[in-house]
């Protein structure tokens, strides 16, 4: 009974005191068109992305932007013809100028796509852009996406404006896991706090980040974060730590076209970085497992146990906690256009995330390290660099 009471207390605190993370009304802030549209360079790291480029790249080429804009797509050692396909799409669709680059193999100490991002920023630097749009190769943008991002950044005085792209939800497992992914992210990094000056919370969504070039230079992006596995959150912390004003919200017409049809695909996506989120700390892992159990697993267990043994108090406390949990998940399901009957299944989804997090730690201690697009990187304690 007391454990169920603790779970209910945790949910009441999350409901009222965690930045109203469960609300989904954080969209691009009020904005007006600037008198002068600044120049923008779009940097797209791409490794083996031939399957998604036909949907994503034409949306960038077709951007209706009044100022000067150019796309720099960095083919990061692809083996599926990504570079050739990108050139063909640019020739066929026209639109914004496309420059191709190839960075070669990353040196020791660089993780994920950051080496390709560095190469793209280096190519863009010759154009002296005021802004950089860092976007992934699987992100499709509405024609006015760049215009709206720049207008929001100029109007609000933001050094970084990021949109959490709407992920694909078509398969059964995507419906169960994907909305919860964004829900948990918002719980960890409440969007309202991110955009507040003076608040310590900092995060970004790596698929769509508009970044002032001078802010990137002050924060030494991407060199200062070259070892980061969770590069988007680390980027936001670096910019905010350098005095920058950042903003993150949910996208309306910026979508990921990458499919995750099987549980295995989603599992790999989460487990790749889950233990890195916990700074590879066993105590944080233990606390996370216990916290997930208390907050997400105790309510249904308490309700069913209370009903089974005739403990009314236990059943009521567990049922109320489950009810609050379900209510906070409904807005995210509405945002994703999913049936509301999925909300009571959140404990099951949370249990999957618990297992993914534990598996991430197991992979780490087996020496597998982080992986990105077929590359496996050394464990952080084995990476040699001037930052340790």
Protein backbone atom coordinates (compact mmCIF):
# COMPACT_ATOMS: atom_id res chain seq x y z
CA UNK A 1 0.00 0.00 0.00
CA UNK A 2 2.79 2.43 0.88
CA UNK A 3 4.62 1.68 -2.37
CA UNK A 4 1.40 2.42 -4.29
CA UNK A 5 1.05 5.66 -2.32
CA UNK A 6 4.59 6.59 -3.29
CA UNK A 7 3.80 5.93 -6.94
CA UNK A 8 0.71 8.13 -6.79
CA UNK A 9 2.72 10.90 -5.11
CA UNK A 10 5.32 10.66 -7.86
CA UNK A 11 2.63 10.99 -10.51
CA UNK A 12 1.04 14.02 -8.84
CA UNK A 13 4.47 15.66 -8.74
CA UNK A 14 5.09 14.84 -12.43
CA UNK A 15 1.65 16.14 -13.34
CA UNK A 16 2.07 19.52 -11.66
CA UNK A 17 5.78 20.18 -11.13
CA UNK A 18 7.71 18.81 -14.12
CA UNK A 19 7.16 21.69 -16.50
CA UNK A 20 3.77 20.37 -17.67
CA UNK A 21 5.80 18.02 -19.85
CA UNK A 22 2.68 16.14 -20.91
CA UNK A 23 1.21 19.07 -22.83
CA UNK A 24 1.79 19.09 -26.58
CA UNK A 25 1.11 22.76 -27.33
CA UNK A 26 4.76 23.82 -27.54
CA UNK A 27 4.97 24.65 -31.23
CA UNK A 28 6.99 27.29 -33.09
CA UNK A 29 6.59 30.54 -31.13
CA UNK A 30 5.00 33.70 -32.47
CA UNK A 31 7.04 35.09 -35.34
CA UNK A 32 7.05 37.79 -38.00
CA UNK A 33 8.94 37.93 -41.28
CA UNK A 34 12.23 39.82 -40.91
CA UNK A 35 12.97 42.85 -43.05
CA UNK A 36 16.06 41.08 -44.32
CA UNK A 37 16.28 37.31 -44.73
CA UNK A 38 19.70 36.04 -43.59
CA UNK A 39 21.70 33.46 -45.51
CA UNK A 40 21.38 29.83 -44.46
CA UNK A 41 23.41 26.72 -45.21
CA UNK A 42 21.68 23.37 -44.75
CA UNK A 43 24.02 20.59 -43.59
CA UNK A 44 22.83 17.00 -44.13
CA UNK A 45 25.02 14.10 -42.95
CA UNK A 46 24.09 10.96 -44.87
CA UNK A 47 25.35 7.41 -44.58
CA UNK A 48 23.52 4.67 -46.49
CA UNK A 49 20.35 6.73 -46.86
CA UNK A 50 19.30 5.77 -50.39
CA UNK A 51 16.04 4.30 -49.07
CA UNK A 52 14.81 7.60 -47.57
CA UNK A 53 16.46 10.29 -49.73
CA UNK A 54 13.74 10.24 -52.44
CA UNK A 55 11.25 11.45 -49.81
CA UNK A 56 13.46 13.79 -47.81
CA UNK A 57 15.92 15.51 -50.16
CA UNK A 58 13.31 16.88 -52.63
CA UNK A 59 11.59 18.58 -49.68
CA UNK A 60 14.81 20.46 -48.90
CA UNK A 61 15.47 21.33 -52.53
CA UNK A 62 11.94 22.78 -52.75
CA UNK A 63 12.28 25.15 -49.79
CA UNK A 64 10.51 28.45 -50.44
CA UNK A 65 13.05 30.68 -48.74
CA UNK A 66 13.31 34.39 -49.68
CA UNK A 67 16.99 34.68 -48.77
CA UNK A 68 20.10 32.87 -49.94
CA UNK A 69 20.14 29.20 -49.04
CA UNK A 70 22.26 26.24 -50.09
CA UNK A 71 22.35 22.54 -49.20
CA UNK A 72 25.53 20.67 -48.27
CA UNK A 73 24.99 16.91 -48.24
CA UNK A 74 27.90 14.93 -46.82
CA UNK A 75 28.08 11.36 -48.09
CA UNK A 76 29.71 9.64 -45.14
CA UNK A 77 31.16 6.53 -46.73
CA UNK A 78 27.88 5.15 -48.05
CA UNK A 79 27.82 1.78 -49.79
CA UNK A 80 24.31 2.04 -51.26
CA UNK A 81 24.80 4.82 -53.80
CA UNK A 82 23.59 7.66 -51.54
CA UNK A 83 25.84 10.24 -53.22
CA UNK A 84 24.87 9.33 -56.77
CA UNK A 85 21.18 9.31 -55.86
CA UNK A 86 21.46 12.74 -54.23
CA UNK A 87 23.00 14.21 -57.39
CA UNK A 88 20.31 12.59 -59.52
CA UNK A 89 17.52 13.98 -57.30
CA UNK A 90 19.03 17.46 -57.40
CA UNK A 91 19.29 17.31 -61.18
CA UNK A 92 15.71 16.08 -61.51
CA UNK A 93 14.00 18.40 -59.01
CA UNK A 94 16.12 21.54 -59.16
CA UNK A 95 15.53 24.10 -56.45
CA UNK A 96 18.18 25.07 -53.91
CA UNK A 97 21.80 24.52 -54.93
CA UNK A 98 23.27 21.23 -53.73
CA UNK A 99 26.94 20.74 -52.89
CA UNK A 100 28.22 17.25 -52.18
CA UNK A 101 31.03 16.39 -49.80
CA UNK A 102 32.82 13.31 -48.49
CA UNK A 103 34.75 13.48 -45.20
CA UNK A 104 36.63 10.21 -45.26
CA UNK A 105 36.90 7.91 -42.27
CA UNK A 106 36.55 9.70 -38.91
CA UNK A 107 39.64 9.90 -36.69
CA UNK A 108 39.68 8.40 -33.21
CA UNK A 109 37.49 10.28 -30.77
CA UNK A 110 34.67 11.18 -33.16
CA UNK A 111 31.32 9.44 -32.74
CA UNK A 112 28.16 9.11 -34.78
CA UNK A 113 27.50 11.59 -37.52
CA UNK A 114 29.51 14.46 -35.98
CA UNK A 115 32.54 13.98 -38.23
CA UNK A 116 30.27 14.34 -41.27
CA UNK A 117 28.60 17.39 -39.68
CA UNK A 118 32.02 18.95 -39.15
CA UNK A 119 32.90 18.45 -42.79
CA UNK A 120 29.60 19.97 -43.90
CA UNK A 121 30.04 23.01 -41.67
CA UNK A 122 33.55 23.41 -43.04
CA UNK A 123 32.21 23.48 -46.60
CA UNK A 124 29.47 25.91 -45.63
CA UNK A 125 31.85 28.29 -43.87
CA UNK A 126 33.08 29.62 -47.23
CA UNK A 127 29.57 31.04 -47.83
CA UNK A 128 29.65 32.89 -44.49
CA UNK A 129 26.05 32.00 -43.58
CA UNK A 130 24.33 33.61 -40.62
CA UNK A 131 22.51 30.36 -39.83
CA UNK A 132 23.12 26.65 -40.20
CA UNK A 133 20.26 24.19 -40.50
CA UNK A 134 21.45 20.80 -39.24
CA UNK A 135 18.97 18.20 -40.43
CA UNK A 136 19.09 14.45 -40.87
CA UNK A 137 18.77 12.65 -44.19
CA UNK A 138 15.49 11.04 -43.15
CA UNK A 139 13.68 14.31 -42.35
CA UNK A 140 11.11 15.69 -44.79
CA UNK A 141 10.34 19.41 -44.51
CA UNK A 142 7.27 21.34 -45.57
CA UNK A 143 8.09 23.96 -48.26
CA UNK A 144 7.97 26.81 -45.73
CA UNK A 145 9.94 24.98 -43.01
CA UNK A 146 13.18 26.95 -43.38
CA UNK A 147 11.32 30.25 -43.65
CA UNK A 148 9.35 29.55 -40.45
CA UNK A 149 12.42 28.42 -38.51
CA UNK A 150 14.39 31.53 -39.43
CA UNK A 151 11.44 33.84 -38.69
CA UNK A 152 11.03 32.21 -35.25
CA UNK A 153 14.74 32.51 -34.48
CA UNK A 154 14.88 36.18 -35.53
CA UNK A 155 11.67 37.17 -33.77
CA UNK A 156 12.50 35.42 -30.49
CA UNK A 157 16.22 36.17 -30.50
CA UNK A 158 17.06 32.47 -30.33
CA UNK A 159 20.53 31.14 -31.07
CA UNK A 160 19.13 27.65 -31.70
CA UNK A 161 15.62 26.63 -32.71
CA UNK A 162 14.93 22.91 -32.86
CA UNK A 163 11.86 20.91 -33.83
CA UNK A 164 11.13 17.38 -32.67
CA UNK A 165 10.22 15.86 -36.02
CA UNK A 166 7.05 13.81 -36.06
CA UNK A 167 8.22 10.19 -36.24
CA UNK A 168 6.51 7.55 -38.34
CA UNK A 169 3.76 5.56 -36.62
CA UNK A 170 2.34 2.91 -38.94
CA UNK A 171 3.33 -0.53 -37.69
CA UNK A 172 1.99 -2.00 -34.44
CA UNK A 173 5.31 -1.59 -32.68
CA UNK A 174 5.68 1.99 -33.88
CA UNK A 175 2.26 2.78 -32.42
CA UNK A 176 3.26 1.29 -29.08
CA UNK A 177 6.79 2.65 -28.80
CA UNK A 178 7.19 5.87 -30.83
CA UNK A 179 4.72 8.24 -29.10
CA UNK A 180 6.10 7.02 -25.77
CA UNK A 181 9.64 7.86 -26.97
CA UNK A 182 8.70 11.52 -27.40
CA UNK A 183 6.64 11.45 -24.18
CA UNK A 184 9.62 10.16 -22.16
CA UNK A 185 11.95 12.67 -23.84
CA UNK A 186 9.64 15.53 -22.85
CA UNK A 187 9.46 14.15 -19.33
CA UNK A 188 13.26 14.26 -19.06
CA UNK A 189 13.58 17.62 -20.84
CA UNK A 190 10.38 19.66 -20.40
CA UNK A 191 10.12 21.88 -23.45
CA UNK A 192 8.88 24.88 -21.46
CA UNK A 193 12.04 24.93 -19.38
CA UNK A 194 14.36 24.59 -22.37
CA UNK A 195 13.25 27.90 -23.87
CA UNK A 196 13.42 29.76 -20.54
CA UNK A 197 16.47 31.96 -20.03
CA UNK A 198 18.35 31.03 -16.90
CA UNK A 199 16.89 27.51 -16.73
CA UNK A 200 19.44 24.70 -16.66
CA UNK A 201 17.40 22.33 -18.86
CA UNK A 202 18.87 22.08 -22.35
CA UNK A 203 17.99 19.75 -25.21
CA UNK A 204 17.50 19.70 -28.96
CA UNK A 205 16.18 17.26 -31.53
CA UNK A 206 19.03 16.40 -33.86
CA UNK A 207 16.86 15.92 -36.92
CA UNK A 208 16.08 19.64 -37.19
CA UNK A 209 18.25 22.30 -35.54
CA UNK A 210 18.56 25.85 -36.84
CA UNK A 211 21.74 27.27 -35.31
CA UNK A 212 23.28 30.72 -35.48
CA UNK A 213 26.76 30.36 -36.95
CA UNK A 214 28.37 32.64 -34.38
CA UNK A 215 26.74 30.64 -31.55
CA UNK A 216 28.15 27.45 -33.07
CA UNK A 217 31.60 29.03 -33.18
CA UNK A 218 31.39 30.22 -29.57
CA UNK A 219 30.38 26.73 -28.43
CA UNK A 220 32.98 25.08 -30.73
CA UNK A 221 30.34 22.99 -32.45
CA UNK A 222 30.91 20.20 -33.35
CA UNK A 223 34.51 19.77 -32.12
CA UNK A 224 33.63 20.31 -28.47
CA UNK A 225 31.03 17.53 -28.58
CA UNK A 226 32.84 15.13 -30.90
CA UNK A 227 32.67 12.23 -28.41
CA UNK A 228 28.95 12.62 -27.73
CA UNK A 229 26.70 9.68 -28.50
CA UNK A 230 23.58 11.77 -27.80
CA UNK A 231 24.81 14.64 -29.93
CA UNK A 232 21.62 16.73 -30.06
CA UNK A 233 21.26 17.13 -26.29
CA UNK A 234 25.00 17.73 -25.93
CA UNK A 235 24.87 20.38 -28.67
CA UNK A 236 22.06 22.20 -26.87
CA UNK A 237 23.97 22.13 -23.59
CA UNK A 238 27.06 23.53 -25.27
CA UNK A 239 25.12 26.39 -26.88
CA UNK A 240 23.21 27.21 -23.71
CA UNK A 241 26.37 26.90 -21.61
CA UNK A 242 27.96 29.50 -23.87
CA UNK A 243 25.18 31.97 -23.09
CA UNK A 244 22.96 31.08 -26.04
CA UNK A 245 19.17 31.23 -25.99
CA UNK A 246 17.66 27.97 -27.26
CA UNK A 247 14.17 26.67 -27.99
CA UNK A 248 12.71 23.21 -28.63
CA UNK A 249 9.17 22.23 -29.56
CA UNK A 250 7.05 19.74 -31.43
CA UNK A 251 6.92 19.90 -35.21
CA UNK A 252 3.77 20.26 -37.26
CA UNK A 253 5.11 19.69 -40.77
CA UNK A 254 8.59 18.31 -40.24
CA UNK A 255 8.44 14.53 -40.42
CA UNK A 256 10.80 11.59 -40.19
CA UNK A 257 10.28 9.17 -43.05
CA UNK A 258 12.44 6.43 -41.56
CA UNK A 259 10.45 3.25 -40.85
CA UNK A 260 10.86 1.17 -37.71
CA UNK A 261 8.52 -1.72 -38.59
CA UNK A 262 9.89 -4.29 -36.13
CA UNK A 263 10.48 -4.19 -32.40
CA UNK A 264 14.11 -5.05 -33.14
CA UNK A 265 14.53 -1.80 -35.10
CA UNK A 266 13.09 0.32 -32.29
CA UNK A 267 15.04 -1.62 -29.67
CA UNK A 268 18.29 -0.90 -31.47
CA UNK A 269 17.43 2.80 -31.79
CA UNK A 270 16.83 3.17 -28.04
CA UNK A 271 19.52 0.85 -26.70
CA UNK A 272 22.18 2.55 -28.83
CA UNK A 273 22.23 5.56 -26.52
CA UNK A 274 20.17 4.74 -23.41
CA UNK A 275 23.14 3.95 -21.15
CA UNK A 276 25.05 6.95 -22.49
CA UNK A 277 22.11 9.05 -21.29
CA UNK A 278 22.94 7.70 -17.82
CA UNK A 279 26.61 8.66 -18.26
CA UNK A 280 27.53 4.94 -18.11
CA UNK A 281 26.98 5.06 -14.35
CA UNK A 282 25.78 1.81 -12.70
CA UNK A 283 24.18 3.71 -9.81
CA UNK A 284 22.19 5.86 -12.21
CA UNK A 285 21.16 2.69 -14.04
CA UNK A 286 19.94 1.14 -10.80
CA UNK A 287 18.07 4.33 -9.87
CA UNK A 288 16.49 4.47 -13.33
CA UNK A 289 15.30 0.86 -13.16
CA UNK A 290 13.83 1.40 -9.70
CA UNK A 291 12.29 4.71 -10.77
CA UNK A 292 10.67 3.22 -13.87
CA UNK A 293 9.32 0.37 -11.77
CA UNK A 294 7.89 2.68 -9.12
CA UNK A 295 6.35 5.17 -11.54
CA UNK A 296 5.13 2.93 -14.36
CA UNK A 297 4.92 -0.66 -13.16
CA UNK A 298 3.66 -0.31 -9.60
CA UNK A 299 0.26 1.27 -10.49
CA UNK A 300 -1.18 -1.67 -12.49
CA UNK A 301 0.47 -4.23 -10.19
CA UNK A 302 -0.94 -2.47 -7.11
CA UNK A 303 -4.41 -2.29 -8.63
CA UNK A 304 -4.49 -5.97 -9.56
CA UNK A 305 -2.84 -7.11 -6.33
CA UNK A 306 -5.20 -5.01 -4.24
CA UNK A 307 -8.20 -6.50 -6.00
CA UNK A 308 -6.79 -10.02 -5.64
CA UNK A 309 -6.08 -9.83 -1.90
CA UNK A 310 -8.96 -7.56 -0.97
CA UNK A 311 -6.87 -4.50 -0.08
CA UNK A 312 -9.10 -1.63 -1.11
CA UNK A 313 -6.54 1.05 -0.24
CA UNK A 314 -3.84 -0.59 -2.37
CA UNK A 315 -6.20 -1.01 -5.31
CA UNK A 316 -7.47 2.58 -5.10
CA UNK A 317 -4.00 4.10 -4.83
CA UNK A 318 -2.70 1.99 -7.72
CA UNK A 319 -5.77 2.74 -9.82
CA UNK A 320 -5.48 6.50 -9.23
CA UNK A 321 -1.78 6.48 -10.16
CA UNK A 322 -2.57 4.52 -13.33
CA UNK A 323 -5.37 6.96 -14.13
CA UNK A 324 -3.07 9.99 -13.80
CA UNK A 325 -0.44 8.24 -15.92
CA UNK A 326 -2.99 7.46 -18.60
CA UNK A 327 -4.31 11.01 -18.61
CA UNK A 328 -0.86 12.53 -19.12
CA UNK A 329 -0.24 10.25 -22.11
CA UNK A 330 -3.45 11.12 -23.97
CA UNK A 331 -2.21 14.44 -25.45
CA UNK A 332 0.79 12.71 -27.05
CA UNK A 333 -1.42 10.04 -28.58
CA UNK A 334 -3.70 12.77 -29.98
CA UNK A 335 -0.67 14.58 -31.41
CA UNK A 336 0.31 11.38 -33.22
CA UNK A 337 -3.25 10.63 -34.27
CA UNK A 338 -3.30 7.30 -32.44
CA UNK A 339 -6.25 5.55 -30.76
CA UNK A 340 -6.67 6.61 -27.15
CA UNK A 341 -7.05 3.02 -25.94
CA UNK A 342 -3.27 2.76 -26.24
CA UNK A 343 -2.87 5.06 -23.21
CA UNK A 344 -3.50 2.40 -20.52
CA UNK A 345 -0.81 0.25 -22.18
CA UNK A 346 1.92 2.75 -21.24
CA UNK A 347 3.17 0.52 -18.34
CA UNK A 348 3.86 -2.24 -20.87
CA UNK A 349 5.74 0.17 -23.12
CA UNK A 350 7.68 1.51 -20.13
CA UNK A 351 8.68 -2.05 -19.27
CA UNK A 352 10.07 -2.43 -22.79
CA UNK A 353 12.09 0.77 -22.33
CA UNK A 354 13.38 -0.57 -19.01
CA UNK A 355 14.61 -3.70 -20.77
CA UNK A 356 16.15 -1.63 -23.59
CA UNK A 357 18.04 0.47 -21.04
CA UNK A 358 19.39 -2.60 -19.26
CA UNK A 359 20.38 -4.10 -22.62
CA UNK A 360 22.20 -0.86 -23.48
CA UNK A 361 24.27 -1.26 -20.31
CA UNK A 362 24.96 -4.92 -21.10
CA UNK A 363 26.22 -3.99 -24.57
CA UNK A 364 28.44 -1.32 -23.04
CA UNK A 365 30.10 -3.71 -20.60
CA UNK A 366 30.56 -6.29 -23.30
CA UNK A 367 32.72 -3.71 -25.04
CA UNK A 368 30.49 -3.21 -28.05
CA UNK A 369 30.41 0.57 -27.66
CA UNK A 370 28.03 2.85 -29.50
CA UNK A 371 27.06 2.20 -33.10
CA UNK A 372 25.89 4.43 -35.93
CA UNK A 373 25.09 3.29 -39.46
CA UNK A 374 27.24 0.18 -39.30
CA UNK A 375 30.14 1.81 -37.45
CA UNK A 376 30.93 0.72 -33.91
CA UNK A 377 32.83 3.11 -31.69
CA UNK A 378 34.97 2.38 -28.71
CA UNK A 379 33.53 2.70 -25.23
CA UNK A 380 33.91 6.28 -23.92
CA UNK A 381 36.54 5.23 -21.38
CA UNK A 382 38.61 3.82 -24.26
CA UNK A 383 38.44 6.90 -26.49
CA UNK A 384 41.65 8.91 -26.59
CA UNK A 385 41.39 12.66 -27.03
CA UNK A 386 42.46 15.96 -25.52
CA UNK A 387 39.32 16.05 -23.41
CA UNK A 388 40.00 12.64 -21.85
